[in-house]
PDB file of N, CA and C in Angstrom:
ATOM      1  N   MET A   1     -12.777 -19.317  -1.228  1.00  0.00           N
ATOM      2  CA  MET A   1     -12.739 -18.187  -0.301  1.00  0.00           C
ATOM      3  C   MET A   1     -11.633 -17.230  -0.756  1.00  0.00           C
ATOM      4  N   ALA A   2     -11.931 -15.973  -0.776  1.00  0.00           N
ATOM      5  CA  ALA A   2     -10.961 -14.952  -1.183  1.00  0.00           C
ATOM      6  C   ALA A   2      -9.937 -14.731  -0.075  1.00  0.00           C
ATOM      7  N   LYS A   3      -8.729 -14.427  -0.498  1.00  0.00           N
ATOM      8  CA  LYS A   3      -7.626 -14.135   0.426  1.00  0.00           C
ATOM      9  C   LYS A   3      -7.422 -12.620   0.420  1.00  0.00           C
ATOM     10  N   THR A   4      -7.515 -12.006   1.601  1.00  0.00           N
ATOM     11  CA  THR A   4      -7.325 -10.567   1.745  1.00  0.00           C
ATOM     12  C   THR A   4      -6.010 -10.326   2.470  1.00  0.00           C
ATOM     13  N   GLU A   5      -5.133  -9.506   1.864  1.00  0.00           N
ATOM     14  CA  GLU A   5      -3.813  -9.262   2.467  1.00  0.00           C
ATOM     15  C   GLU A   5      -3.428  -7.791   2.381  1.00  0.00           C
ATOM     16  N   LEU A   6      -2.640  -7.392   3.361  1.00  0.00           N
ATOM     17  CA  LEU A   6      -1.961  -6.104   3.339  1.00  0.00           C
ATOM     18  C   LEU A   6      -0.514  -6.387   3.730  1.00  0.00           C
ATOM     19  N   SER A   7       0.405  -6.098   2.819  1.00  0.00           N
ATOM     20  CA  SER A   7       1.825  -6.371   3.038  1.00  0.00           C
ATOM     21  C   SER A   7       2.625  -5.085   2.930  1.00  0.00           C
ATOM     22  N   ARG A   8       3.701  -5.005   3.719  1.00  0.00           N
ATOM     23  CA  ARG A   8       4.582  -3.833   3.702  1.00  0.00           C
ATOM     24  C   ARG A   8       5.967  -4.260   3.226  1.00  0.00           C
ATOM     25  N   TYR A   9       6.566  -3.395   2.381  1.00  0.00           N
ATOM     26  CA  TYR A   9       7.910  -3.623   1.863  1.00  0.00           C
ATOM     27  C   TYR A   9       8.693  -2.323   1.993  1.00  0.00           C
ATOM     28  N   ARG A  10       9.951  -2.446   2.345  1.00  0.00           N
ATOM     29  CA  ARG A  10      10.801  -1.265   2.447  1.00  0.00           C
ATOM     30  C   ARG A  10      11.489  -1.018   1.109  1.00  0.00           C
ATOM     31  N   VAL A  11      11.509   0.247   0.725  1.00  0.00           N
ATOM     32  CA  VAL A  11      12.175   0.659  -0.510  1.00  0.00           C
ATOM     33  C   VAL A  11      13.648   0.903  -0.199  1.00  0.00           C
ATOM     34  N   LEU A  12      14.513   0.456  -1.080  1.00  0.00           N
ATOM     35  CA  LEU A  12      15.952   0.697  -0.922  1.00  0.00           C
ATOM     36  C   LEU A  12      16.235   2.196  -0.929  1.00  0.00           C
ATOM     37  N   ALA A  13      17.125   2.631  -0.068  1.00  0.00           N
ATOM     38  CA  ALA A  13      17.504   4.044   0.001  1.00  0.00           C
ATOM     39  C   ALA A  13      18.006   4.507  -1.361  1.00  0.00           C
ATOM     40  N   GLY A  14      17.559   5.677  -1.760  1.00  0.00           N
ATOM     41  CA  GLY A  14      17.985   6.235  -3.028  1.00  0.00           C
ATOM     42  C   GLY A  14      17.157   5.783  -4.224  1.00  0.00           C
ATOM     43  N   LYS A  15      16.180   4.913  -4.012  1.00  0.00           N
ATOM     44  CA  LYS A  15      15.363   4.382  -5.118  1.00  0.00           C
ATOM     45  C   LYS A  15      13.978   5.026  -5.180  1.00  0.00           C
ATOM     46  N   GLU A  16      13.778   6.105  -4.434  1.00  0.00           N
ATOM     47  CA  GLU A  16      12.464   6.747  -4.388  1.00  0.00           C
ATOM     48  C   GLU A  16      12.030   7.266  -5.762  1.00  0.00           C
ATOM     49  N   ALA A  17      12.943   7.846  -6.520  1.00  0.00           N
ATOM     50  CA  ALA A  17      12.609   8.345  -7.865  1.00  0.00           C
ATOM     51  C   ALA A  17      12.257   7.173  -8.784  1.00  0.00           C
ATOM     52  N   LEU A  18      12.942   6.043  -8.625  1.00  0.00           N
ATOM     53  CA  LEU A  18      12.642   4.869  -9.438  1.00  0.00           C
ATOM     54  C   LEU A  18      11.263   4.303  -9.079  1.00  0.00           C
ATOM     55  N   VAL A  19      10.896   4.381  -7.808  1.00  0.00           N
ATOM     56  CA  VAL A  19       9.560   3.945  -7.388  1.00  0.00           C
ATOM     57  C   VAL A  19       8.504   4.810  -8.073  1.00  0.00           C
ATOM     58  N   LYS A  20       8.757   6.109  -8.126  1.00  0.00           N
ATOM     59  CA  LYS A  20       7.818   7.010  -8.804  1.00  0.00           C
ATOM     60  C   LYS A  20       7.684   6.622 -10.279  1.00  0.00           C
ATOM     61  N   GLU A  21       8.801   6.308 -10.908  1.00  0.00           N
ATOM     62  CA  GLU A  21       8.792   5.851 -12.307  1.00  0.00           C
ATOM     63  C   GLU A  21       8.008   4.550 -12.439  1.00  0.00           C
ATOM     64  N   TRP A  22       8.211   3.635 -11.494  1.00  0.00           N
ATOM     65  CA  TRP A  22       7.546   2.329 -11.477  1.00  0.00           C
ATOM     66  C   TRP A  22       6.023   2.496 -11.406  1.00  0.00           C
ATOM     67  N   MET A  23       5.580   3.324 -10.479  1.00  0.00           N
ATOM     68  CA  MET A  23       4.148   3.532 -10.323  1.00  0.00           C
ATOM     69  C   MET A  23       3.566   4.205 -11.564  1.00  0.00           C
ATOM     70  N   ALA A  24       4.318   5.120 -12.166  1.00  0.00           N
ATOM     71  CA  ALA A  24       3.875   5.769 -13.407  1.00  0.00           C
ATOM     72  C   ALA A  24       3.793   4.743 -14.539  1.00  0.00           C
ATOM     73  N   PHE A  25       4.753   3.830 -14.591  1.00  0.00           N
ATOM     74  CA  PHE A  25       4.739   2.763 -15.588  1.00  0.00           C
ATOM     75  C   PHE A  25       3.472   1.924 -15.452  1.00  0.00           C
ATOM     76  N   LEU A  26       3.151   1.508 -14.218  1.00  0.00           N
ATOM     77  CA  LEU A  26       1.955   0.703 -14.004  1.00  0.00           C
ATOM     78  C   LEU A  26       0.700   1.475 -14.400  1.00  0.00           C
ATOM     79  N   GLN A  27       0.648   2.748 -14.034  1.00  0.00           N
ATOM     80  CA  GLN A  27      -0.508   3.578 -14.386  1.00  0.00           C
ATOM     81  C   GLN A  27      -0.614   3.748 -15.905  1.00  0.00           C
ATOM     82  N   ASP A  28       0.509   4.000 -16.543  1.00  0.00           N
ATOM     83  CA  ASP A  28       0.520   4.196 -17.998  1.00  0.00           C
ATOM     84  C   ASP A  28       0.156   2.933 -18.776  1.00  0.00           C
ATOM     85  N   HIS A  29       0.351   1.780 -18.156  1.00  0.00           N
ATOM     86  CA  HIS A  29       0.058   0.490 -18.795  1.00  0.00           C
ATOM     87  C   HIS A  29      -1.090  -0.226 -18.086  1.00  0.00           C
ATOM     88  N   LEU A  30      -1.992   0.550 -17.502  1.00  0.00           N
ATOM     89  CA  LEU A  30      -3.054  -0.023 -16.678  1.00  0.00           C
ATOM     90  C   LEU A  30      -3.915  -1.034 -17.436  1.00  0.00           C
ATOM     91  N   SER A  31      -4.204  -0.783 -18.682  1.00  0.00           N
ATOM     92  CA  SER A  31      -5.035  -1.731 -19.436  1.00  0.00           C
ATOM     93  C   SER A  31      -4.339  -3.087 -19.536  1.00  0.00           C
ATOM     94  N   GLU A  32      -3.018  -3.092 -19.706  1.00  0.00           N
ATOM     95  CA  GLU A  32      -2.264  -4.351 -19.754  1.00  0.00           C
ATOM     96  C   GLU A  32      -2.189  -4.994 -18.380  1.00  0.00           C
ATOM     97  N   VAL A  33      -1.998  -4.167 -17.355  1.00  0.00           N
ATOM     98  CA  VAL A  33      -1.937  -4.662 -15.970  1.00  0.00           C
ATOM     99  C   VAL A  33      -3.250  -5.358 -15.616  1.00  0.00           C
ATOM    100  N   LEU A  34      -4.368  -4.745 -15.968  1.00  0.00           N
ATOM    101  CA  LEU A  34      -5.665  -5.330 -15.649  1.00  0.00           C
ATOM    102  C   LEU A  34      -5.852  -6.693 -16.298  1.00  0.00           C
ATOM    103  N   LEU A  35      -5.280  -6.891 -17.482  1.00  0.00           N
ATOM    104  CA  LEU A  35      -5.348  -8.206 -18.135  1.00  0.00           C
ATOM    105  C   LEU A  35      -4.589  -9.255 -17.333  1.00  0.00           C
ATOM    106  N   THR A  36      -3.474  -8.872 -16.737  1.00  0.00           N
ATOM    107  CA  THR A  36      -2.672  -9.835 -15.966  1.00  0.00           C
ATOM    108  C   THR A  36      -3.374 -10.239 -14.681  1.00  0.00           C
ATOM    109  N   LEU A  37      -4.178  -9.333 -14.138  1.00  0.00           N
ATOM    110  CA  LEU A  37      -4.848  -9.615 -12.866  1.00  0.00           C
ATOM    111  C   LEU A  37      -5.812 -10.786 -12.980  1.00  0.00           C
ATOM    112  N   GLU A  38      -6.347 -10.983 -14.174  1.00  0.00           N
ATOM    113  CA  GLU A  38      -7.301 -12.074 -14.380  1.00  0.00           C
ATOM    114  C   GLU A  38      -6.666 -13.433 -14.089  1.00  0.00           C
ATOM    115  N   GLN A  39      -5.465 -13.684 -14.627  1.00  0.00           N
ATOM    116  CA  GLN A  39      -4.809 -14.978 -14.391  1.00  0.00           C
ATOM    117  C   GLN A  39      -4.312 -15.103 -12.954  1.00  0.00           C
ATOM    118  N   GLU A  40      -4.106 -13.973 -12.292  1.00  0.00           N
ATOM    119  CA  GLU A  40      -3.678 -13.979 -10.893  1.00  0.00           C
ATOM    120  C   GLU A  40      -4.870 -14.083  -9.942  1.00  0.00           C
ATOM    121  N   LYS A  41      -6.076 -14.160 -10.507  1.00  0.00           N
ATOM    122  CA  LYS A  41      -7.315 -14.185  -9.708  1.00  0.00           C
ATOM    123  C   LYS A  41      -7.330 -13.007  -8.724  1.00  0.00           C
ATOM    124  N   MET A  42      -6.757 -11.892  -9.167  1.00  0.00           N
ATOM    125  CA  MET A  42      -6.644 -10.701  -8.339  1.00  0.00           C
ATOM    126  C   MET A  42      -7.856  -9.824  -8.603  1.00  0.00           C
ATOM    127  N   TYR A  43      -8.729  -9.736  -7.618  1.00  0.00           N
ATOM    128  CA  TYR A  43      -9.966  -8.979  -7.776  1.00  0.00           C
ATOM    129  C   TYR A  43      -9.796  -7.526  -7.372  1.00  0.00           C
ATOM    130  N   VAL A  44      -8.917  -7.273  -6.426  1.00  0.00           N
ATOM    131  CA  VAL A  44      -8.583  -5.909  -6.008  1.00  0.00           C
ATOM    132  C   VAL A  44      -7.096  -5.893  -5.679  1.00  0.00           C
ATOM    133  N   GLU A  45      -6.397  -4.901  -6.210  1.00  0.00           N
ATOM    134  CA  GLU A  45      -4.992  -4.704  -5.841  1.00  0.00           C
ATOM    135  C   GLU A  45      -4.747  -3.209  -5.816  1.00  0.00           C
ATOM    136  N   ALA A  46      -4.219  -2.743  -4.706  1.00  0.00           N
ATOM    137  CA  ALA A  46      -3.914  -1.318  -4.557  1.00  0.00           C
ATOM    138  C   ALA A  46      -2.547  -1.196  -3.897  1.00  0.00           C
ATOM    139  N   ILE A  47      -1.782  -0.202  -4.338  1.00  0.00           N
ATOM    140  CA  ILE A  47      -0.441   0.036  -3.801  1.00  0.00           C
ATOM    141  C   ILE A  47      -0.446   1.399  -3.112  1.00  0.00           C
ATOM    142  N   PHE A  48       0.028   1.412  -1.870  1.00  0.00           N
ATOM    143  CA  PHE A  48       0.116   2.627  -1.079  1.00  0.00           C
ATOM    144  C   PHE A  48       1.577   2.914  -0.780  1.00  0.00           C
ATOM    145  N   GLN A  49       1.890   4.161  -0.521  1.00  0.00           N
ATOM    146  CA  GLN A  49       3.263   4.564  -0.198  1.00  0.00           C
ATOM    147  C   GLN A  49       3.244   5.402   1.069  1.00  0.00           C
ATOM    148  N   GLU A  50       4.282   5.216   1.891  1.00  0.00           N
ATOM    149  CA  GLU A  50       4.409   5.965   3.138  1.00  0.00           C
ATOM    150  C   GLU A  50       5.879   6.223   3.408  1.00  0.00           C
ATOM    151  N   GLU A  51       6.155   7.372   4.010  1.00  0.00           N
ATOM    152  CA  GLU A  51       7.507   7.662   4.462  1.00  0.00           C
ATOM    153  C   GLU A  51       7.484   7.810   5.976  1.00  0.00           C
ATOM    154  N   LEU A  52       8.335   7.024   6.639  1.00  0.00           N
ATOM    155  CA  LEU A  52       8.469   7.060   8.097  1.00  0.00           C
ATOM    156  C   LEU A  52       9.936   7.243   8.451  1.00  0.00           C
ATOM    157  N   ALA A  53      10.229   8.281   9.196  1.00  0.00           N
ATOM    158  CA  ALA A  53      11.597   8.543   9.651  1.00  0.00           C
ATOM    159  C   ALA A  53      12.588   8.500   8.483  1.00  0.00           C
ATOM    160  N   GLY A  54      12.195   9.070   7.352  1.00  0.00           N
ATOM    161  CA  GLY A  54      13.079   9.149   6.199  1.00  0.00           C
ATOM    162  C   GLY A  54      13.193   7.884   5.371  1.00  0.00           C
ATOM    163  N   VAL A  55      12.386   6.877   5.691  1.00  0.00           N
ATOM    164  CA  VAL A  55      12.412   5.604   4.954  1.00  0.00           C
ATOM    165  C   VAL A  55      11.078   5.451   4.230  1.00  0.00           C
ATOM    166  N   THR A  56      11.147   5.056   2.955  1.00  0.00           N
ATOM    167  CA  THR A  56       9.941   4.870   2.155  1.00  0.00           C
ATOM    168  C   THR A  56       9.515   3.409   2.197  1.00  0.00           C
ATOM    169  N   TYR A  57       8.206   3.220   2.357  1.00  0.00           N
ATOM    170  CA  TYR A  57       7.601   1.888   2.369  1.00  0.00           C
ATOM    171  C   TYR A  57       6.488   1.838   1.335  1.00  0.00           C
ATOM    172  N   LEU A  58       6.338   0.691   0.712  1.00  0.00           N
ATOM    173  CA  LEU A  58       5.210   0.424  -0.163  1.00  0.00           C
ATOM    174  C   LEU A  58       4.341  -0.636   0.500  1.00  0.00           C
ATOM    175  N   TYR A  59       3.043  -0.446   0.401  1.00  0.00           N
ATOM    176  CA  TYR A  59       2.068  -1.383   0.951  1.00  0.00           C
ATOM    177  C   TYR A  59       1.225  -1.913  -0.202  1.00  0.00           C
ATOM    178  N   TRP A  60       1.039  -3.226  -0.228  1.00  0.00           N
ATOM    179  CA  TRP A  60       0.174  -3.861  -1.220  1.00  0.00           C
ATOM    180  C   TRP A  60      -1.061  -4.377  -0.503  1.00  0.00           C
ATOM    181  N   PHE A  61      -2.220  -3.922  -0.958  1.00  0.00           N
ATOM    182  CA  PHE A  61      -3.497  -4.445  -0.467  1.00  0.00           C
ATOM    183  C   PHE A  61      -4.096  -5.266  -1.594  1.00  0.00           C
ATOM    184  N   SER A  62      -4.560  -6.461  -1.278  1.00  0.00           N
ATOM    185  CA  SER A  62      -5.127  -7.297  -2.334  1.00  0.00           C
ATOM    186  C   SER A  62      -6.250  -8.182  -1.814  1.00  0.00           C
ATOM    187  N   VAL A  63      -7.160  -8.466  -2.726  1.00  0.00           N
ATOM    188  CA  VAL A  63      -8.194  -9.469  -2.530  1.00  0.00           C
ATOM    189  C   VAL A  63      -8.048 -10.416  -3.713  1.00  0.00           C
ATOM    190  N   GLN A  64      -7.701 -11.665  -3.399  1.00  0.00           N
ATOM    191  CA  GLN A  64      -7.329 -12.625  -4.432  1.00  0.00           C
ATOM    192  C   GLN A  64      -8.109 -13.910  -4.251  1.00  0.00           C
ATOM    193  N   GLY A  65      -8.548 -14.480  -5.371  1.00  0.00           N
ATOM    194  CA  GLY A  65      -9.254 -15.752  -5.355  1.00  0.00           C
ATOM    195  C   GLY A  65      -8.297 -16.930  -5.360  1.00  0.00           C
ATOM    196  N   GLU A  66      -8.872 -18.114  -5.407  1.00  0.00           N
ATOM    197  CA  GLU A  66      -8.090 -19.357  -5.384  1.00  0.00           C
ATOM    198  C   GLU A  66      -7.609 -19.734  -6.777  1.00  0.00           C
ATOM    199  N   GLY A  67      -6.520 -20.510  -6.826  1.00  0.00           N
ATOM    200  CA  GLY A  67      -6.025 -21.050  -8.083  1.00  0.00           C
ATOM    201  C   GLY A  67      -5.302 -20.040  -8.948  1.00  0.00           C
ATOM    202  N   ALA A  68      -4.630 -19.110  -8.326  1.00  0.00           N
ATOM    203  CA  ALA A  68      -3.969 -18.024  -9.054  1.00  0.00           C
ATOM    204  C   ALA A  68      -2.648 -18.459  -9.671  1.00  0.00           C
ATOM    205  N   VAL A  69      -2.316 -17.817 -10.788  1.00  0.00           N
ATOM    206  CA  VAL A  69      -0.988 -17.939 -11.390  1.00  0.00           C
ATOM    207  C   VAL A  69      -0.112 -16.882 -10.719  1.00  0.00           C
ATOM    208  N   ASP A  70       1.052 -17.266 -10.239  1.00  0.00           N
ATOM    209  CA  ASP A  70       1.969 -16.334  -9.596  1.00  0.00           C
ATOM    210  C   ASP A  70       2.516 -15.343 -10.617  1.00  0.00           C
ATOM    211  N   VAL A  71       2.660 -14.091 -10.205  1.00  0.00           N
ATOM    212  CA  VAL A  71       3.160 -13.056 -11.116  1.00  0.00           C
ATOM    213  C   VAL A  71       4.527 -13.448 -11.694  1.00  0.00           C
ATOM    214  N   GLY A  72       5.332 -14.164 -10.950  1.00  0.00           N
ATOM    215  CA  GLY A  72       6.638 -14.607 -11.426  1.00  0.00           C
ATOM    216  C   GLY A  72       6.558 -15.617 -12.555  1.00  0.00           C
ATOM    217  N   ASP A  73       5.402 -16.245 -12.718  1.00  0.00           N
ATOM    218  CA  ASP A  73       5.203 -17.227 -13.778  1.00  0.00           C
ATOM    219  C   ASP A  73       4.488 -16.635 -14.996  1.00  0.00           C
ATOM    220  N   SER A  74       4.231 -15.344 -14.952  1.00  0.00           N
ATOM    221  CA  SER A  74       3.491 -14.679 -16.023  1.00  0.00           C
ATOM    222  C   SER A  74       4.348 -14.503 -17.270  1.00  0.00           C
ATOM    223  N   ASP A  75       3.694 -14.609 -18.425  1.00  0.00           N
ATOM    224  CA  ASP A  75       4.356 -14.363 -19.707  1.00  0.00           C
ATOM    225  C   ASP A  75       4.118 -12.943 -20.212  1.00  0.00           C
ATOM    226  N   PHE A  76       3.330 -12.152 -19.473  1.00  0.00           N
ATOM    227  CA  PHE A  76       3.028 -10.784 -19.895  1.00  0.00           C
ATOM    228  C   PHE A  76       4.260  -9.890 -19.751  1.00  0.00           C
ATOM    229  N   ALA A  77       4.541  -9.109 -20.785  1.00  0.00           N
ATOM    230  CA  ALA A  77       5.688  -8.188 -20.757  1.00  0.00           C
ATOM    231  C   ALA A  77       5.571  -7.174 -19.618  1.00  0.00           C
ATOM    232  N   VAL A  78       4.364  -6.713 -19.350  1.00  0.00           N
ATOM    233  CA  VAL A  78       4.170  -5.726 -18.285  1.00  0.00           C
ATOM    234  C   VAL A  78       4.535  -6.321 -16.919  1.00  0.00           C
ATOM    235  N   ASP A  79       4.266  -7.604 -16.714  1.00  0.00           N
ATOM    236  CA  ASP A  79       4.648  -8.263 -15.455  1.00  0.00           C
ATOM    237  C   ASP A  79       6.160  -8.411 -15.347  1.00  0.00           C
ATOM    238  N   LYS A  80       6.800  -8.718 -16.453  1.00  0.00           N
ATOM    239  CA  LYS A  80       8.263  -8.859 -16.441  1.00  0.00           C
ATOM    240  C   LYS A  80       8.926  -7.522 -16.084  1.00  0.00           C
ATOM    241  N   GLN A  81       8.394  -6.412 -16.635  1.00  0.00           N
ATOM    242  CA  GLN A  81       8.933  -5.099 -16.298  1.00  0.00           C
ATOM    243  C   GLN A  81       8.627  -4.745 -14.841  1.00  0.00           C
ATOM    244  N   HIS A  82       7.437  -5.075 -14.397  1.00  0.00           N
ATOM    245  CA  HIS A  82       7.047  -4.849 -12.998  1.00  0.00           C
ATOM    246  C   HIS A  82       8.038  -5.550 -12.051  1.00  0.00           C
ATOM    247  N   LEU A  83       8.395  -6.776 -12.374  1.00  0.00           N
ATOM    248  CA  LEU A  83       9.335  -7.525 -11.526  1.00  0.00           C
ATOM    249  C   LEU A  83      10.752  -6.948 -11.592  1.00  0.00           C
ATOM    250  N   ARG A  84      11.126  -6.369 -12.729  1.00  0.00           N
ATOM    251  CA  ARG A  84      12.440  -5.704 -12.808  1.00  0.00           C
ATOM    252  C   ARG A  84      12.469  -4.488 -11.878  1.00  0.00           C
ATOM    253  N   TYR A  85      11.384  -3.712 -11.878  1.00  0.00           N
ATOM    254  CA  TYR A  85      11.292  -2.593 -10.932  1.00  0.00           C
ATOM    255  C   TYR A  85      11.349  -3.103  -9.496  1.00  0.00           C
ATOM    256  N   TRP A  86      10.622  -4.175  -9.234  1.00  0.00           N
ATOM    257  CA  TRP A  86      10.598  -4.762  -7.882  1.00  0.00           C
ATOM    258  C   TRP A  86      12.021  -5.084  -7.424  1.00  0.00           C
ATOM    259  N   GLU A  87      12.754  -5.795  -8.253  1.00  0.00           N
ATOM    260  CA  GLU A  87      14.130  -6.189  -7.920  1.00  0.00           C
ATOM    261  C   GLU A  87      15.019  -4.972  -7.658  1.00  0.00           C
ATOM    262  N   ALA A  88      14.800  -3.910  -8.404  1.00  0.00           N
ATOM    263  CA  ALA A  88      15.632  -2.712  -8.291  1.00  0.00           C
ATOM    264  C   ALA A  88      15.257  -1.842  -7.095  1.00  0.00           C
ATOM    265  N   CYS A  89      14.021  -1.942  -6.629  1.00  0.00           N
ATOM    266  CA  CYS A  89      13.530  -0.994  -5.621  1.00  0.00           C
ATOM    267  C   CYS A  89      13.276  -1.575  -4.231  1.00  0.00           C
ATOM    268  N   ILE A  90      12.892  -2.831  -4.151  1.00  0.00           N
ATOM    269  CA  ILE A  90      12.464  -3.404  -2.870  1.00  0.00           C
ATOM    270  C   ILE A  90      13.651  -4.003  -2.121  1.00  0.00           C
ATOM    271  N   ASP A  91      13.744  -3.678  -0.847  1.00  0.00           N
ATOM    272  CA  ASP A  91      14.816  -4.159   0.028  1.00  0.00           C
ATOM    273  C   ASP A  91      14.539  -5.602   0.434  1.00  0.00           C
ATOM    274  N   SER A  92      15.230  -6.542  -0.196  1.00  0.00           N
ATOM    275  CA  SER A  92      15.000  -7.963   0.085  1.00  0.00           C
ATOM    276  C   SER A  92      15.469  -8.359   1.486  1.00  0.00           C
ATOM    277  N   GLN A  93      16.387  -7.600   2.062  1.00  0.00           N
ATOM    278  CA  GLN A  93      16.841  -7.883   3.432  1.00  0.00           C
ATOM    279  C   GLN A  93      15.722  -7.635   4.440  1.00  0.00           C
ATOM    280  N   TYR A  94      14.889  -6.640   4.161  1.00  0.00           N
ATOM    281  CA  TYR A  94      13.762  -6.307   5.036  1.00  0.00           C
ATOM    282  C   TYR A  94      12.651  -7.341   4.892  1.00  0.00           C
ATOM    283  N   GLY A  95      12.481  -7.812   3.661  1.00  0.00           N
ATOM    284  CA  GLY A  95      11.464  -8.827   3.397  1.00  0.00           C
ATOM    285  C   GLY A  95      10.057  -8.271   3.376  1.00  0.00           C
ATOM    286  N   GLU A  96       9.115  -9.167   3.461  1.00  0.00           N
ATOM    287  CA  GLU A  96       7.696  -8.809   3.480  1.00  0.00           C
ATOM    288  C   GLU A  96       7.196  -8.812   4.915  1.00  0.00           C
ATOM    289  N   VAL A  97       6.474  -7.782   5.278  1.00  0.00           N
ATOM    290  CA  VAL A  97       5.769  -7.764   6.557  1.00  0.00           C
ATOM    291  C   VAL A  97       4.295  -7.894   6.218  1.00  0.00           C
ATOM    292  N   LEU A  98       3.720  -9.029   6.565  1.00  0.00           N
ATOM    293  CA  LEU A  98       2.311  -9.294   6.298  1.00  0.00           C
ATOM    294  C   LEU A  98       1.524  -8.859   7.526  1.00  0.00           C
ATOM    295  N   LEU A  99       0.712  -7.821   7.357  1.00  0.00           N
ATOM    296  CA  LEU A  99      -0.083  -7.323   8.465  1.00  0.00           C
ATOM    297  C   LEU A  99      -1.231  -8.285   8.734  1.00  0.00           C
ATOM    298  N   GLN A 100      -1.610  -8.389   9.997  1.00  0.00           N
ATOM    299  CA  GLN A 100      -2.657  -9.328  10.387  1.00  0.00           C
ATOM    300  C   GLN A 100      -4.017  -8.840   9.912  1.00  0.00           C
ATOM    301  N   THR A 101      -4.760  -9.740   9.286  1.00  0.00           N
ATOM    302  CA  THR A 101      -6.129  -9.442   8.884  1.00  0.00           C
ATOM    303  C   THR A 101      -7.043  -9.747  10.062  1.00  0.00           C
ATOM    304  N   ASN A 102      -7.743  -8.732  10.535  1.00  0.00           N
ATOM    305  CA  ASN A 102      -8.680  -8.933  11.637  1.00  0.00           C
ATOM    306  C   ASN A 102     -10.094  -9.217  11.131  1.00  0.00           C
ATOM    307  N   LEU A 103     -10.464  -8.585  10.034  1.00  0.00           N
ATOM    308  CA  LEU A 103     -11.821  -8.712   9.550  1.00  0.00           C
ATOM    309  C   LEU A 103     -11.857  -8.349   8.073  1.00  0.00           C
ATOM    310  N   THR A 104     -12.516  -9.159   7.293  1.00  0.00           N
ATOM    311  CA  THR A 104     -12.740  -8.857   5.883  1.00  0.00           C
ATOM    312  C   THR A 104     -14.241  -8.766   5.673  1.00  0.00           C
ATOM    313  N   MET A 105     -14.671  -7.672   5.066  1.00  0.00           N
ATOM    314  CA  MET A 105     -16.108  -7.459   4.849  1.00  0.00           C
ATOM    315  C   MET A 105     -16.363  -7.349   3.353  1.00  0.00           C
ATOM    316  N   ILE A 106     -16.806  -8.449   2.781  1.00  0.00           N
ATOM    317  CA  ILE A 106     -17.139  -8.502   1.359  1.00  0.00           C
ATOM    318  C   ILE A 106     -18.525  -9.128   1.261  1.00  0.00           C
ATOM    319  N   PRO A 107     -19.453  -8.455   0.611  1.00  0.00           N
ATOM    320  CA  PRO A 107     -20.806  -9.032   0.471  1.00  0.00           C
ATOM    321  C   PRO A 107     -20.755 -10.392  -0.228  1.00  0.00           C
ATOM    322  N   ASP A 108     -21.693 -11.259   0.135  1.00  0.00           N
ATOM    323  CA  ASP A 108     -21.743 -12.619  -0.427  1.00  0.00           C
ATOM    324  C   ASP A 108     -21.788 -12.614  -1.950  1.00  0.00           C
ATOM    325  N   TYR A 109     -22.531 -11.700  -2.549  1.00  0.00           N
ATOM    326  CA  TYR A 109     -22.649 -11.714  -4.009  1.00  0.00           C
ATOM    327  C   TYR A 109     -21.291 -11.475  -4.669  1.00  0.00           C
ATOM    328  N   LEU A 110     -20.425 -10.686  -4.040  1.00  0.00           N
ATOM    329  CA  LEU A 110     -19.076 -10.486  -4.591  1.00  0.00           C
ATOM    330  C   LEU A 110     -18.197 -11.699  -4.308  1.00  0.00           C
ATOM    331  N   THR A 111     -18.274 -12.235  -3.118  1.00  0.00           N
ATOM    332  CA  THR A 111     -17.493 -13.426  -2.773  1.00  0.00           C
ATOM    333  C   THR A 111     -17.843 -14.569  -3.720  1.00  0.00           C
ATOM    334  N   ASN A 112     -19.112 -14.734  -4.028  1.00  0.00           N
ATOM    335  CA  ASN A 112     -19.544 -15.801  -4.944  1.00  0.00           C
ATOM    336  C   ASN A 112     -18.968 -15.594  -6.346  1.00  0.00           C
ATOM    337  N   MET A 113     -18.773 -14.359  -6.753  1.00  0.00           N
ATOM    338  CA  MET A 113     -18.193 -14.060  -8.068  1.00  0.00           C
ATOM    339  C   MET A 113     -16.709 -14.407  -8.100  1.00  0.00           C
ATOM    340  N   MET A 114     -16.070 -14.485  -6.950  1.00  0.00           N
ATOM    341  CA  MET A 114     -14.624 -14.736  -6.877  1.00  0.00           C
ATOM    342  C   MET A 114     -14.278 -16.206  -6.864  1.00  0.00           C
ATOM    343  N   LYS A 115     -15.241 -17.077  -6.917  1.00  0.00           N
ATOM    344  CA  LYS A 115     -14.985 -18.524  -6.860  1.00  0.00           C
ATOM    345  C   LYS A 115     -14.631 -19.061  -8.215  1.00  0.00           C
TER     346      LYS A 115
END
């Protein structure tokens, strides 16, 4: 069964320009990023950004299969750089806010492909 998540993370104050660089890095290395998603059993991953009351937040939406390799265990250089950006930009004091999933709508033929 696929796991569908939407998580929110707060960006450290003053790191907004670095977040822009981070997202550009991921976009510029998209072919490498897509290779890493295979071992993570990540079928869909999207990153959203929002500013509320002067604070920047990043949201990760994902649909992930079972038996995934954690990004922290990856040997891919692009993942190592991604995690360096994460450490520099994400407010660890705020932590992860996992939004409640009310309903996931994925056709059976796609769900069967994710097994």
